[in-house]
């Protein structure tokens, strides 16, 4: 990743927490294992207005600028930590699937053609 990890964590309507920022930073670095093509990342942690029936919901959004197409994933939960974990688990799953698709396409293009008799 090109940018500093703490510069791309945005807190909206939530007090800045060094512990939470450190957790998010570690999870961003972990994503690099699955995809080395991350150009830029941004994580938005927010507490939208209280929902009438669901109560207080927290939202975590992970935005990744990848070579090819960007990836944005959000997760909501009653706990900001659960929302962060859910968003990063989904991002990890998407990056793994993307990597597998690329490997499959690469192997198909490199496979030798069957000789015609």
PDB file of N, CA and C in Angstrom:
ATOM      1  N   UNK A   1       0.836  -1.163   0.000  1.00  0.00           N
ATOM      2  CA  UNK A   1       0.000   0.000   0.000  1.00  0.00           C
ATOM      3  C   UNK A   1       0.886   1.233   0.000  1.00  0.00           C
ATOM      4  N   UNK A   2       0.469   2.244  -0.709  1.00  0.00           N
ATOM      5  CA  UNK A   2       1.296   3.429  -0.882  1.00  0.00           C
ATOM      6  C   UNK A   2       1.163   4.444   0.255  1.00  0.00           C
ATOM      7  N   UNK A   3      -0.015   4.533   0.892  1.00  0.00           N
ATOM      8  CA  UNK A   3      -0.231   5.592   1.877  1.00  0.00           C
ATOM      9  C   UNK A   3      -0.033   5.077   3.301  1.00  0.00           C
ATOM     10  N   UNK A   4       0.163   6.011   4.213  1.00  0.00           N
ATOM     11  CA  UNK A   4       0.316   5.655   5.623  1.00  0.00           C
ATOM     12  C   UNK A   4      -1.010   5.149   6.164  1.00  0.00           C
ATOM     13  N   UNK A   5      -1.014   4.073   6.959  1.00  0.00           N
ATOM     14  CA  UNK A   5      -2.255   3.451   7.365  1.00  0.00           C
ATOM     15  C   UNK A   5      -3.171   4.319   8.219  1.00  0.00           C
ATOM     16  N   UNK A   6      -2.644   5.144   9.118  1.00  0.00           N
ATOM     17  CA  UNK A   6      -3.509   5.928   9.989  1.00  0.00           C
ATOM     18  C   UNK A   6      -4.090   7.155   9.307  1.00  0.00           C
ATOM     19  N   UNK A   7      -3.543   7.560   8.173  1.00  0.00           N
ATOM     20  CA  UNK A   7      -4.057   8.715   7.456  1.00  0.00           C
ATOM     21  C   UNK A   7      -5.351   8.396   6.719  1.00  0.00           C
ATOM     22  N   UNK A   8      -5.646   7.141   6.527  1.00  0.00           N
ATOM     23  CA  UNK A   8      -6.802   6.774   5.733  1.00  0.00           C
ATOM     24  C   UNK A   8      -7.907   6.136   6.566  1.00  0.00           C
ATOM     25  N   UNK A   9      -7.931   6.415   7.877  1.00  0.00           N
ATOM     26  CA  UNK A   9      -9.001   5.950   8.754  1.00  0.00           C
ATOM     27  C   UNK A   9      -9.805   7.175   9.172  1.00  0.00           C
ATOM     28  N   UNK A  10     -11.086   7.162   8.821  1.00  0.00           N
ATOM     29  CA  UNK A  10     -11.954   8.304   9.084  1.00  0.00           C
ATOM     30  C   UNK A  10     -12.967   7.916  10.160  1.00  0.00           C
ATOM     31  N   UNK A  11     -13.075   8.732  11.201  1.00  0.00           N
ATOM     32  CA  UNK A  11     -14.056   8.532  12.267  1.00  0.00           C
ATOM     33  C   UNK A  11     -15.159   9.562  12.090  1.00  0.00           C
ATOM     34  N   UNK A  12     -16.398   9.098  11.954  1.00  0.00           N
ATOM     35  CA  UNK A  12     -17.548  10.010  11.830  1.00  0.00           C
ATOM     36  C   UNK A  12     -18.501   9.766  12.993  1.00  0.00           C
ATOM     37  N   UNK A  13     -18.751  10.783  13.768  1.00  0.00           N
ATOM     38  CA  UNK A  13     -19.643  10.719  14.923  1.00  0.00           C
ATOM     39  C   UNK A  13     -19.203   9.670  15.939  1.00  0.00           C
ATOM     40  N   UNK A  14     -17.911   9.360  15.947  1.00  0.00           N
ATOM     41  CA  UNK A  14     -17.315   8.430  16.908  1.00  0.00           C
ATOM     42  C   UNK A  14     -16.030   9.082  17.404  1.00  0.00           C
ATOM     43  N   UNK A  15     -15.759   8.926  18.695  1.00  0.00           N
ATOM     44  CA  UNK A  15     -14.491   9.431  19.231  1.00  0.00           C
ATOM     45  C   UNK A  15     -13.343   8.622  18.665  1.00  0.00           C
ATOM     46  N   UNK A  16     -12.260   9.314  18.322  1.00  0.00           N
ATOM     47  CA  UNK A  16     -11.074   8.620  17.800  1.00  0.00           C
ATOM     48  C   UNK A  16     -10.494   7.728  18.892  1.00  0.00           C
ATOM     49  N   UNK A  17     -10.242   6.504  18.522  1.00  0.00           N
ATOM     50  CA  UNK A  17      -9.695   5.539  19.459  1.00  0.00           C
ATOM     51  C   UNK A  17      -8.391   4.992  18.893  1.00  0.00           C
ATOM     52  N   UNK A  18      -7.273   5.179  19.611  1.00  0.00           N
ATOM     53  CA  UNK A  18      -6.002   4.650  19.115  1.00  0.00           C
ATOM     54  C   UNK A  18      -6.034   3.114  18.998  1.00  0.00           C
ATOM     55  N   UNK A  19      -6.743   2.464  19.903  1.00  0.00           N
ATOM     56  CA  UNK A  19      -6.836   1.000  19.858  1.00  0.00           C
ATOM     57  C   UNK A  19      -7.578   0.551  18.611  1.00  0.00           C
ATOM     58  N   UNK A  20      -8.684   1.196  18.316  1.00  0.00           N
ATOM     59  CA  UNK A  20      -9.470   0.846  17.134  1.00  0.00           C
ATOM     60  C   UNK A  20      -8.685   1.171  15.859  1.00  0.00           C
ATOM     61  N   UNK A  21      -7.988   2.300  15.843  1.00  0.00           N
ATOM     62  CA  UNK A  21      -7.172   2.668  14.688  1.00  0.00           C
ATOM     63  C   UNK A  21      -6.049   1.651  14.481  1.00  0.00           C
ATOM     64  N   UNK A  22      -5.458   1.166  15.564  1.00  0.00           N
ATOM     65  CA  UNK A  22      -4.403   0.163  15.474  1.00  0.00           C
ATOM     66  C   UNK A  22      -4.962  -1.160  14.928  1.00  0.00           C
ATOM     67  N   UNK A  23      -6.142  -1.555  15.377  1.00  0.00           N
ATOM     68  CA  UNK A  23      -6.788  -2.779  14.888  1.00  0.00           C
ATOM     69  C   UNK A  23      -7.063  -2.680  13.396  1.00  0.00           C
ATOM     70  N   UNK A  24      -7.604  -1.558  12.970  1.00  0.00           N
ATOM     71  CA  UNK A  24      -7.907  -1.352  11.551  1.00  0.00           C
ATOM     72  C   UNK A  24      -6.618  -1.374  10.730  1.00  0.00           C
ATOM     73  N   UNK A  25      -5.576  -0.743  11.231  1.00  0.00           N
ATOM     74  CA  UNK A  25      -4.299  -0.716  10.526  1.00  0.00           C
ATOM     75  C   UNK A  25      -3.732  -2.124  10.341  1.00  0.00           C
ATOM     76  N   UNK A  26      -3.805  -2.945  11.391  1.00  0.00           N
ATOM     77  CA  UNK A  26      -3.334  -4.328  11.299  1.00  0.00           C
ATOM     78  C   UNK A  26      -4.144  -5.111  10.268  1.00  0.00           C
ATOM     79  N   UNK A  27      -5.456  -4.898  10.252  1.00  0.00           N
ATOM     80  CA  UNK A  27      -6.313  -5.618   9.308  1.00  0.00           C
ATOM     81  C   UNK A  27      -6.036  -5.173   7.869  1.00  0.00           C
ATOM     82  N   UNK A  28      -5.720  -3.896   7.674  1.00  0.00           N
ATOM     83  CA  UNK A  28      -5.366  -3.420   6.334  1.00  0.00           C
ATOM     84  C   UNK A  28      -4.077  -4.080   5.847  1.00  0.00           C
ATOM     85  N   UNK A  29      -3.104  -4.189   6.721  1.00  0.00           N
ATOM     86  CA  UNK A  29      -1.845  -4.827   6.334  1.00  0.00           C
ATOM     87  C   UNK A  29      -2.044  -6.314   6.057  1.00  0.00           C
ATOM     88  N   UNK A  30      -2.977  -6.925   6.777  1.00  0.00           N
ATOM     89  CA  UNK A  30      -3.269  -8.342   6.545  1.00  0.00           C
ATOM     90  C   UNK A  30      -3.871  -8.546   5.150  1.00  0.00           C
ATOM     91  N   UNK A  31      -4.657  -7.581   4.676  1.00  0.00           N
ATOM     92  CA  UNK A  31      -5.264  -7.687   3.345  1.00  0.00           C
ATOM     93  C   UNK A  31      -4.208  -7.719   2.244  1.00  0.00           C
ATOM     94  N   UNK A  32      -3.049  -7.129   2.498  1.00  0.00           N
ATOM     95  CA  UNK A  32      -1.976  -7.107   1.498  1.00  0.00           C
ATOM     96  C   UNK A  32      -1.470  -8.511   1.182  1.00  0.00           C
ATOM     97  N   UNK A  33      -1.655  -9.449   2.114  1.00  0.00           N
ATOM     98  CA  UNK A  33      -1.250 -10.836   1.859  1.00  0.00           C
ATOM     99  C   UNK A  33      -2.050 -11.450   0.712  1.00  0.00           C
ATOM    100  N   UNK A  34      -3.303 -11.047   0.622  1.00  0.00           N
ATOM    101  CA  UNK A  34      -4.202 -11.641  -0.366  1.00  0.00           C
ATOM    102  C   UNK A  34      -4.186 -10.902  -1.692  1.00  0.00           C
ATOM    103  N   UNK A  35      -3.777  -9.648  -1.655  1.00  0.00           N
ATOM    104  CA  UNK A  35      -3.746  -8.870  -2.888  1.00  0.00           C
ATOM    105  C   UNK A  35      -2.664  -7.803  -2.769  1.00  0.00           C
ATOM    106  N   UNK A  36      -1.612  -7.957  -3.537  1.00  0.00           N
ATOM    107  CA  UNK A  36      -0.533  -6.981  -3.509  1.00  0.00           C
ATOM    108  C   UNK A  36      -0.802  -5.793  -4.413  1.00  0.00           C
ATOM    109  N   UNK A  37      -1.975  -5.761  -5.029  1.00  0.00           N
ATOM    110  CA  UNK A  37      -2.313  -4.713  -5.983  1.00  0.00           C
ATOM    111  C   UNK A  37      -3.121  -3.578  -5.359  1.00  0.00           C
ATOM    112  N   UNK A  38      -3.111  -3.470  -4.033  1.00  0.00           N
ATOM    113  CA  UNK A  38      -3.856  -2.405  -3.373  1.00  0.00           C
ATOM    114  C   UNK A  38      -3.071  -1.112  -3.528  1.00  0.00           C
ATOM    115  N   UNK A  39      -3.657  -0.168  -4.235  1.00  0.00           N
ATOM    116  CA  UNK A  39      -3.005   1.114  -4.485  1.00  0.00           C
ATOM    117  C   UNK A  39      -3.265   2.077  -3.333  1.00  0.00           C
ATOM    118  N   UNK A  40      -4.509   2.117  -2.900  1.00  0.00           N
ATOM    119  CA  UNK A  40      -4.903   3.052  -1.846  1.00  0.00           C
ATOM    120  C   UNK A  40      -6.047   2.420  -1.067  1.00  0.00           C
ATOM    121  N   UNK A  41      -6.144   2.754   0.207  1.00  0.00           N
ATOM    122  CA  UNK A  41      -7.247   2.240   1.020  1.00  0.00           C
ATOM    123  C   UNK A  41      -7.810   3.356   1.883  1.00  0.00           C
ATOM    124  N   UNK A  42      -9.057   3.171   2.256  1.00  0.00           N
ATOM    125  CA  UNK A  42      -9.723   4.133   3.130  1.00  0.00           C
ATOM    126  C   UNK A  42     -10.748   3.360   3.946  1.00  0.00           C
ATOM    127  N   UNK A  43     -10.767   3.590   5.242  1.00  0.00           N
ATOM    128  CA  UNK A  43     -11.725   2.940   6.127  1.00  0.00           C
ATOM    129  C   UNK A  43     -12.527   4.033   6.818  1.00  0.00           C
ATOM    130  N   UNK A  44     -13.846   3.926   6.736  1.00  0.00           N
ATOM    131  CA  UNK A  44     -14.728   4.901   7.370  1.00  0.00           C
ATOM    132  C   UNK A  44     -15.497   4.187   8.479  1.00  0.00           C
ATOM    133  N   UNK A  45     -15.350   4.698   9.702  1.00  0.00           N
ATOM    134  CA  UNK A  45     -16.054   4.159  10.862  1.00  0.00           C
ATOM    135  C   UNK A  45     -17.043   5.210  11.312  1.00  0.00           C
ATOM    136  N   UNK A  46     -18.311   4.831  11.377  1.00  0.00           N
ATOM    137  CA  UNK A  46     -19.314   5.836  11.712  1.00  0.00           C
ATOM    138  C   UNK A  46     -20.433   5.271  12.567  1.00  0.00           C
ATOM    139  N   UNK A  47     -21.100   6.179  13.242  1.00  0.00           N
ATOM    140  CA  UNK A  47     -22.280   5.853  14.031  1.00  0.00           C
ATOM    141  C   UNK A  47     -23.420   6.691  13.468  1.00  0.00           C
ATOM    142  N   UNK A  48     -24.161   6.130  12.508  1.00  0.00           N
ATOM    143  CA  UNK A  48     -25.288   6.873  11.956  1.00  0.00           C
ATOM    144  C   UNK A  48     -26.323   7.148  13.044  1.00  0.00           C
ATOM    145  N   UNK A  49     -27.295   7.947  12.719  1.00  0.00           N
ATOM    146  CA  UNK A  49     -28.328   8.274  13.689  1.00  0.00           C
ATOM    147  C   UNK A  49     -29.011   7.004  14.181  1.00  0.00           C
ATOM    148  N   UNK A  50     -29.512   7.080  15.404  1.00  0.00           N
ATOM    149  CA  UNK A  50     -30.122   5.910  16.024  1.00  0.00           C
ATOM    150  C   UNK A  50     -31.369   5.483  15.249  1.00  0.00           C
ATOM    151  N   UNK A  51     -31.436   4.195  14.937  1.00  0.00           N
ATOM    152  CA  UNK A  51     -32.560   3.625  14.205  1.00  0.00           C
ATOM    153  C   UNK A  51     -33.700   3.359  15.179  1.00  0.00           C
ATOM    154  N   UNK A  52     -34.935   3.585  14.747  1.00  0.00           N
ATOM    155  CA  UNK A  52     -36.073   3.442  15.657  1.00  0.00           C
ATOM    156  C   UNK A  52     -36.244   2.026  16.180  1.00  0.00           C
ATOM    157  N   UNK A  53     -36.099   1.039  15.315  1.00  0.00           N
ATOM    158  CA  UNK A  53     -36.355  -0.339  15.743  1.00  0.00           C
ATOM    159  C   UNK A  53     -35.089  -1.124  16.041  1.00  0.00           C
ATOM    160  N   UNK A  54     -33.992  -0.811  15.403  1.00  0.00           N
ATOM    161  CA  UNK A  54     -32.762  -1.579  15.593  1.00  0.00           C
ATOM    162  C   UNK A  54     -31.888  -1.026  16.708  1.00  0.00           C
ATOM    163  N   UNK A  55     -32.137   0.181  17.152  1.00  0.00           N
ATOM    164  CA  UNK A  55     -31.264   0.788  18.148  1.00  0.00           C
ATOM    165  C   UNK A  55     -30.038   1.388  17.488  1.00  0.00           C
ATOM    166  N   UNK A  56     -28.992   1.585  18.276  1.00  0.00           N
ATOM    167  CA  UNK A  56     -27.774   2.201  17.747  1.00  0.00           C
ATOM    168  C   UNK A  56     -27.005   1.193  16.891  1.00  0.00           C
ATOM    169  N   UNK A  57     -26.750   1.565  15.663  1.00  0.00           N
ATOM    170  CA  UNK A  57     -26.015   0.725  14.726  1.00  0.00           C
ATOM    171  C   UNK A  57     -24.725   1.446  14.341  1.00  0.00           C
ATOM    172  N   UNK A  58     -23.636   0.708  14.305  1.00  0.00           N
ATOM    173  CA  UNK A  58     -22.365   1.236  13.845  1.00  0.00           C
ATOM    174  C   UNK A  58     -22.104   0.698  12.448  1.00  0.00           C
ATOM    175  N   UNK A  59     -21.379   1.467  11.651  1.00  0.00           N
ATOM    176  CA  UNK A  59     -21.095   1.065  10.279  1.00  0.00           C
ATOM    177  C   UNK A  59     -19.605   1.206  10.008  1.00  0.00           C
ATOM    178  N   UNK A  60     -19.048   0.183   9.382  1.00  0.00           N
ATOM    179  CA  UNK A  60     -17.651   0.212   8.956  1.00  0.00           C
ATOM    180  C   UNK A  60     -17.615  -0.027   7.462  1.00  0.00           C
ATOM    181  N   UNK A  61     -16.924   0.846   6.723  1.00  0.00           N
ATOM    182  CA  UNK A  61     -16.788   0.707   5.280  1.00  0.00           C
ATOM    183  C   UNK A  61     -15.315   0.626   4.929  1.00  0.00           C
ATOM    184  N   UNK A  62     -14.976  -0.335   4.075  1.00  0.00           N
ATOM    185  CA  UNK A  62     -13.606  -0.508   3.604  1.00  0.00           C
ATOM    186  C   UNK A  62     -13.606  -0.219   2.107  1.00  0.00           C
ATOM    187  N   UNK A  63     -12.837   0.765   1.696  1.00  0.00           N
ATOM    188  CA  UNK A  63     -12.738   1.140   0.287  1.00  0.00           C
ATOM    189  C   UNK A  63     -11.307   0.870  -0.165  1.00  0.00           C
ATOM    190  N   UNK A  64     -11.165   0.002  -1.171  1.00  0.00           N
ATOM    191  CA  UNK A  64      -9.839  -0.348  -1.678  1.00  0.00           C
ATOM    192  C   UNK A  64      -9.740   0.043  -3.143  1.00  0.00           C
ATOM    193  N   UNK A  65      -8.707   0.782  -3.476  1.00  0.00           N
ATOM    194  CA  UNK A  65      -8.432   1.113  -4.877  1.00  0.00           C
ATOM    195  C   UNK A  65      -7.454   0.062  -5.376  1.00  0.00           C
ATOM    196  N   UNK A  66      -7.930  -0.791  -6.261  1.00  0.00           N
ATOM    197  CA  UNK A  66      -7.124  -1.874  -6.817  1.00  0.00           C
ATOM    198  C   UNK A  66      -6.848  -1.585  -8.273  1.00  0.00           C
ATOM    199  N   UNK A  67      -5.790  -2.187  -8.787  1.00  0.00           N
ATOM    200  CA  UNK A  67      -5.573  -2.054 -10.223  1.00  0.00           C
ATOM    201  C   UNK A  67      -6.680  -2.850 -10.902  1.00  0.00           C
ATOM    202  N   UNK A  68      -7.410  -2.218 -11.731  1.00  0.00           N
ATOM    203  CA  UNK A  68      -8.563  -2.854 -12.369  1.00  0.00           C
ATOM    204  C   UNK A  68      -9.833  -2.166 -11.932  1.00  0.00           C
ATOM    205  N   UNK A  69     -10.394  -2.620 -10.815  1.00  0.00           N
ATOM    206  CA  UNK A  69     -11.651  -2.025 -10.349  1.00  0.00           C
ATOM    207  C   UNK A  69     -11.597  -1.828  -8.842  1.00  0.00           C
ATOM    208  N   UNK A  70     -12.238  -0.764  -8.349  1.00  0.00           N
ATOM    209  CA  UNK A  70     -12.247  -0.518  -6.907  1.00  0.00           C
ATOM    210  C   UNK A  70     -13.186  -1.489  -6.195  1.00  0.00           C
ATOM    211  N   UNK A  71     -12.981  -1.630  -4.900  1.00  0.00           N
ATOM    212  CA  UNK A  71     -13.781  -2.528  -4.080  1.00  0.00           C
ATOM    213  C   UNK A  71     -14.235  -1.759  -2.851  1.00  0.00           C
ATOM    214  N   UNK A  72     -15.551  -1.754  -2.594  1.00  0.00           N
ATOM    215  CA  UNK A  72     -16.098  -1.093  -1.419  1.00  0.00           C
ATOM    216  C   UNK A  72     -17.011  -2.069  -0.698  1.00  0.00           C
ATOM    217  N   UNK A  73     -16.759  -2.259   0.582  1.00  0.00           N
ATOM    218  CA  UNK A  73     -17.535  -3.202   1.383  1.00  0.00           C
ATOM    219  C   UNK A  73     -17.918  -2.522   2.681  1.00  0.00           C
ATOM    220  N   UNK A  74     -19.178  -2.716   3.095  1.00  0.00           N
ATOM    221  CA  UNK A  74     -19.672  -2.139   4.337  1.00  0.00           C
ATOM    222  C   UNK A  74     -20.273  -3.219   5.215  1.00  0.00           C
ATOM    223  N   UNK A  75     -20.270  -2.954   6.502  1.00  0.00           N
ATOM    224  CA  UNK A  75     -20.873  -3.865   7.461  1.00  0.00           C
ATOM    225  C   UNK A  75     -21.466  -3.035   8.590  1.00  0.00           C
ATOM    226  N   UNK A  76     -22.638  -3.456   9.079  1.00  0.00           N
ATOM    227  CA  UNK A  76     -23.291  -2.769  10.188  1.00  0.00           C
ATOM    228  C   UNK A  76     -23.512  -3.735  11.333  1.00  0.00           C
ATOM    229  N   UNK A  77     -23.408  -3.215  12.565  1.00  0.00           N
ATOM    230  CA  UNK A  77     -23.633  -4.036  13.749  1.00  0.00           C
ATOM    231  C   UNK A  77     -23.888  -3.124  14.944  1.00  0.00           C
ATOM    232  N   UNK A  78     -24.290  -3.742  16.062  1.00  0.00           N
ATOM    233  CA  UNK A  78     -24.511  -2.980  17.294  1.00  0.00           C
ATOM    234  C   UNK A  78     -23.180  -2.579  17.929  1.00  0.00           C
ATOM    235  N   UNK A  79     -22.107  -3.252  17.552  1.00  0.00           N
ATOM    236  CA  UNK A  79     -20.777  -2.973  18.088  1.00  0.00           C
ATOM    237  C   UNK A  79     -19.868  -2.530  16.940  1.00  0.00           C
ATOM    238  N   UNK A  80     -19.093  -1.493  17.165  1.00  0.00           N
ATOM    239  CA  UNK A  80     -18.182  -1.019  16.122  1.00  0.00           C
ATOM    240  C   UNK A  80     -17.131  -2.079  15.814  1.00  0.00           C
ATOM    241  N   UNK A  81     -16.729  -2.846  16.823  1.00  0.00           N
ATOM    242  CA  UNK A  81     -15.724  -3.890  16.600  1.00  0.00           C
ATOM    243  C   UNK A  81     -16.278  -5.015  15.724  1.00  0.00           C
ATOM    244  N   UNK A  82     -17.537  -5.382  15.932  1.00  0.00           N
ATOM    245  CA  UNK A  82     -18.163  -6.404  15.078  1.00  0.00           C
ATOM    246  C   UNK A  82     -18.326  -5.890  13.657  1.00  0.00           C
ATOM    247  N   UNK A  83     -18.671  -4.625  13.521  1.00  0.00           N
ATOM    248  CA  UNK A  83     -18.823  -4.036  12.183  1.00  0.00           C
ATOM    249  C   UNK A  83     -17.476  -4.039  11.453  1.00  0.00           C
ATOM    250  N   UNK A  84     -16.405  -3.688  12.149  1.00  0.00           N
ATOM    251  CA  UNK A  84     -15.067  -3.691  11.548  1.00  0.00           C
ATOM    252  C   UNK A  84     -14.679  -5.106  11.141  1.00  0.00           C
ATOM    253  N   UNK A  85     -14.878  -6.065  12.048  1.00  0.00           N
ATOM    254  CA  UNK A  85     -14.534  -7.456  11.736  1.00  0.00           C
ATOM    255  C   UNK A  85     -15.336  -7.972  10.542  1.00  0.00           C
ATOM    256  N   UNK A  86     -16.620  -7.662  10.500  1.00  0.00           N
ATOM    257  CA  UNK A  86     -17.462  -8.109   9.381  1.00  0.00           C
ATOM    258  C   UNK A  86     -17.029  -7.521   8.056  1.00  0.00           C
ATOM    259  N   UNK A  87     -16.699  -6.239   8.054  1.00  0.00           N
ATOM    260  CA  UNK A  87     -16.275  -5.585   6.812  1.00  0.00           C
ATOM    261  C   UNK A  87     -14.949  -6.166   6.319  1.00  0.00           C
ATOM    262  N   UNK A  88     -14.006  -6.380   7.220  1.00  0.00           N
ATOM    263  CA  UNK A  88     -12.708  -6.909   6.803  1.00  0.00           C
ATOM    264  C   UNK A  88     -12.783  -8.383   6.399  1.00  0.00           C
ATOM    265  N   UNK A  89     -13.660  -9.151   7.049  1.00  0.00           N
ATOM    266  CA  UNK A  89     -13.841 -10.551   6.632  1.00  0.00           C
ATOM    267  C   UNK A  89     -14.401 -10.612   5.213  1.00  0.00           C
ATOM    268  N   UNK A  90     -15.356  -9.754   4.920  1.00  0.00           N
ATOM    269  CA  UNK A  90     -15.923  -9.714   3.567  1.00  0.00           C
ATOM    270  C   UNK A  90     -14.881  -9.256   2.548  1.00  0.00           C
ATOM    271  N   UNK A  91     -14.089  -8.255   2.911  1.00  0.00           N
ATOM    272  CA  UNK A  91     -13.045  -7.771   2.002  1.00  0.00           C
ATOM    273  C   UNK A  91     -12.019  -8.867   1.740  1.00  0.00           C
ATOM    274  N   UNK A  92     -11.641  -9.593   2.786  1.00  0.00           N
ATOM    275  CA  UNK A  92     -10.681 -10.685   2.636  1.00  0.00           C
ATOM    276  C   UNK A  92     -11.237 -11.757   1.700  1.00  0.00           C
ATOM    277  N   UNK A  93     -12.497 -12.098   1.888  1.00  0.00           N
ATOM    278  CA  UNK A  93     -13.146 -13.105   1.035  1.00  0.00           C
ATOM    279  C   UNK A  93     -13.174 -12.652  -0.423  1.00  0.00           C
ATOM    280  N   UNK A  94     -13.514 -11.400  -0.654  1.00  0.00           N
ATOM    281  CA  UNK A  94     -13.554 -10.866  -2.027  1.00  0.00           C
ATOM    282  C   UNK A  94     -12.166 -10.875  -2.669  1.00  0.00           C
ATOM    283  N   UNK A  95     -11.146 -10.497  -1.911  1.00  0.00           N
ATOM    284  CA  UNK A  95      -9.784 -10.479  -2.460  1.00  0.00           C
ATOM    285  C   UNK A  95      -9.289 -11.890  -2.770  1.00  0.00           C
ATOM    286  N   UNK A  96      -9.653 -12.860  -1.919  1.00  0.00           N
ATOM    287  CA  UNK A  96      -9.270 -14.249  -2.184  1.00  0.00           C
ATOM    288  C   UNK A  96      -9.941 -14.746  -3.465  1.00  0.00           C
ATOM    289  N   UNK A  97     -11.244 -14.455  -3.619  1.00  0.00           N
ATOM    290  CA  UNK A  97     -11.965 -14.870  -4.827  1.00  0.00           C
ATOM    291  C   UNK A  97     -11.363 -14.220  -6.066  1.00  0.00           C
ATOM    292  N   UNK A  98     -11.026 -12.963  -5.954  1.00  0.00           N
ATOM    293  CA  UNK A  98     -10.419 -12.236  -7.078  1.00  0.00           C
ATOM    294  C   UNK A  98      -9.082 -12.863  -7.464  1.00  0.00           C
ATOM    295  N   UNK A  99      -8.296 -13.210  -6.460  1.00  0.00           N
ATOM    296  CA  UNK A  99      -7.001 -13.837  -6.695  1.00  0.00           C
ATOM    297  C   UNK A  99      -7.169 -15.203  -7.364  1.00  0.00           C
ATOM    298  N   UNK A 100      -8.130 -15.987  -6.901  1.00  0.00           N
ATOM    299  CA  UNK A 100      -8.377 -17.309  -7.495  1.00  0.00           C
ATOM    300  C   UNK A 100      -8.834 -17.187  -8.950  1.00  0.00           C
ATOM    301  N   UNK A 101      -9.704 -16.211  -9.215  1.00  0.00           N
ATOM    302  CA  UNK A 101     -10.170 -15.999 -10.596  1.00  0.00           C
ATOM    303  C   UNK A 101      -9.006 -15.652 -11.507  1.00  0.00           C
ATOM    304  N   UNK A 102      -8.114 -14.794 -11.019  1.00  0.00           N
ATOM    305  CA  UNK A 102      -6.956 -14.400 -11.833  1.00  0.00           C
ATOM    306  C   UNK A 102      -6.026 -15.581 -12.084  1.00  0.00           C
ATOM    307  N   UNK A 103      -5.826 -16.413 -11.058  1.00  0.00           N
ATOM    308  CA  UNK A 103      -4.984 -17.597 -11.232  1.00  0.00           C
ATOM    309  C   UNK A 103      -5.595 -18.543 -12.253  1.00  0.00           C
ATOM    310  N   UNK A 104      -6.904 -18.748 -12.173  1.00  0.00           N
ATOM    311  CA  UNK A 104      -7.594 -19.633 -13.108  1.00  0.00           C
ATOM    312  C   UNK A 104      -7.466 -19.114 -14.526  1.00  0.00           C
ATOM    313  N   UNK A 105      -7.685 -17.824 -14.707  1.00  0.00           N
ATOM    314  CA  UNK A 105      -7.566 -17.235 -16.045  1.00  0.00           C
ATOM    315  C   UNK A 105      -6.137 -17.332 -16.565  1.00  0.00           C
ATOM    316  N   UNK A 106      -5.174 -17.126 -15.697  1.00  0.00           N
ATOM    317  CA  UNK A 106      -3.773 -17.194 -16.091  1.00  0.00           C
ATOM    318  C   UNK A 106      -3.407 -18.615 -16.523  1.00  0.00           C
ATOM    319  N   UNK A 107      -3.884 -19.610 -15.765  1.00  0.00           N
ATOM    320  CA  UNK A 107      -3.579 -20.998 -16.106  1.00  0.00           C
ATOM    321  C   UNK A 107      -4.284 -21.434 -17.389  1.00  0.00           C
ATOM    322  N   UNK A 108      -5.481 -20.903 -17.606  1.00  0.00           N
ATOM    323  CA  UNK A 108      -6.196 -21.249 -18.845  1.00  0.00           C
ATOM    324  C   UNK A 108      -5.486 -20.658 -20.058  1.00  0.00           C
ATOM    325  N   UNK A 109      -4.952 -19.466 -19.906  1.00  0.00           N
ATOM    326  CA  UNK A 109      -4.290 -18.833 -21.049  1.00  0.00           C
ATOM    327  C   UNK A 109      -2.918 -19.459 -21.310  1.00  0.00           C
ATOM    328  N   UNK A 110      -2.305 -20.051 -20.294  1.00  0.00           N
ATOM    329  CA  UNK A 110      -0.999 -20.675 -20.457  1.00  0.00           C
ATOM    330  C   UNK A 110      -1.080 -22.160 -20.827  1.00  0.00           C
ATOM    331  N   UNK A 111      -2.278 -22.738 -20.733  1.00  0.00           N
ATOM    332  CA  UNK A 111      -2.436 -24.170 -21.027  1.00  0.00           C
ATOM    333  C   UNK A 111      -2.134 -24.434 -22.498  1.00  0.00           C
ATOM    334  N   UNK A 112      -1.404 -25.504 -22.764  1.00  0.00           N
ATOM    335  CA  UNK A 112      -1.093 -25.820 -24.166  1.00  0.00           C
ATOM    336  C   UNK A 112      -2.346 -26.272 -24.893  1.00  0.00           C
ATOM    337  N   UNK A 113      -2.391 -25.955 -26.147  1.00  0.00           N
ATOM    338  CA  UNK A 113      -3.520 -26.357 -26.976  1.00  0.00           C
ATOM    339  C   UNK A 113      -3.380 -27.823 -27.347  1.00  0.00           C
ATOM    340  N   UNK A 114      -4.490 -28.507 -27.429  1.00  0.00           N
ATOM    341  CA  UNK A 114      -4.479 -29.909 -27.833  1.00  0.00           C
ATOM    342  C   UNK A 114      -4.163 -30.000 -29.321  1.00  0.00           C
ATOM    343  N   UNK A 115      -3.246 -30.878 -29.678  1.00  0.00           N
ATOM    344  CA  UNK A 115      -2.939 -31.014 -31.117  1.00  0.00           C
ATOM    345  C   UNK A 115      -4.122 -31.619 -31.864  1.00  0.00           C
ATOM    346  N   UNK A 116      -4.358 -31.125 -33.023  1.00  0.00           N
ATOM    347  CA  UNK A 116      -5.447 -31.611 -33.859  1.00  0.00           C
ATOM    348  C   UNK A 116      -4.900 -32.749 -34.722  1.00  0.00           C
ATOM    349  N   UNK A 117      -5.584 -33.886 -34.705  1.00  0.00           N
ATOM    350  CA  UNK A 117      -5.137 -35.046 -35.492  1.00  0.00           C
ATOM    351  C   UNK A 117      -5.628 -34.984 -36.899  1.00  0.00           C
TER     352      UNK A 117
END
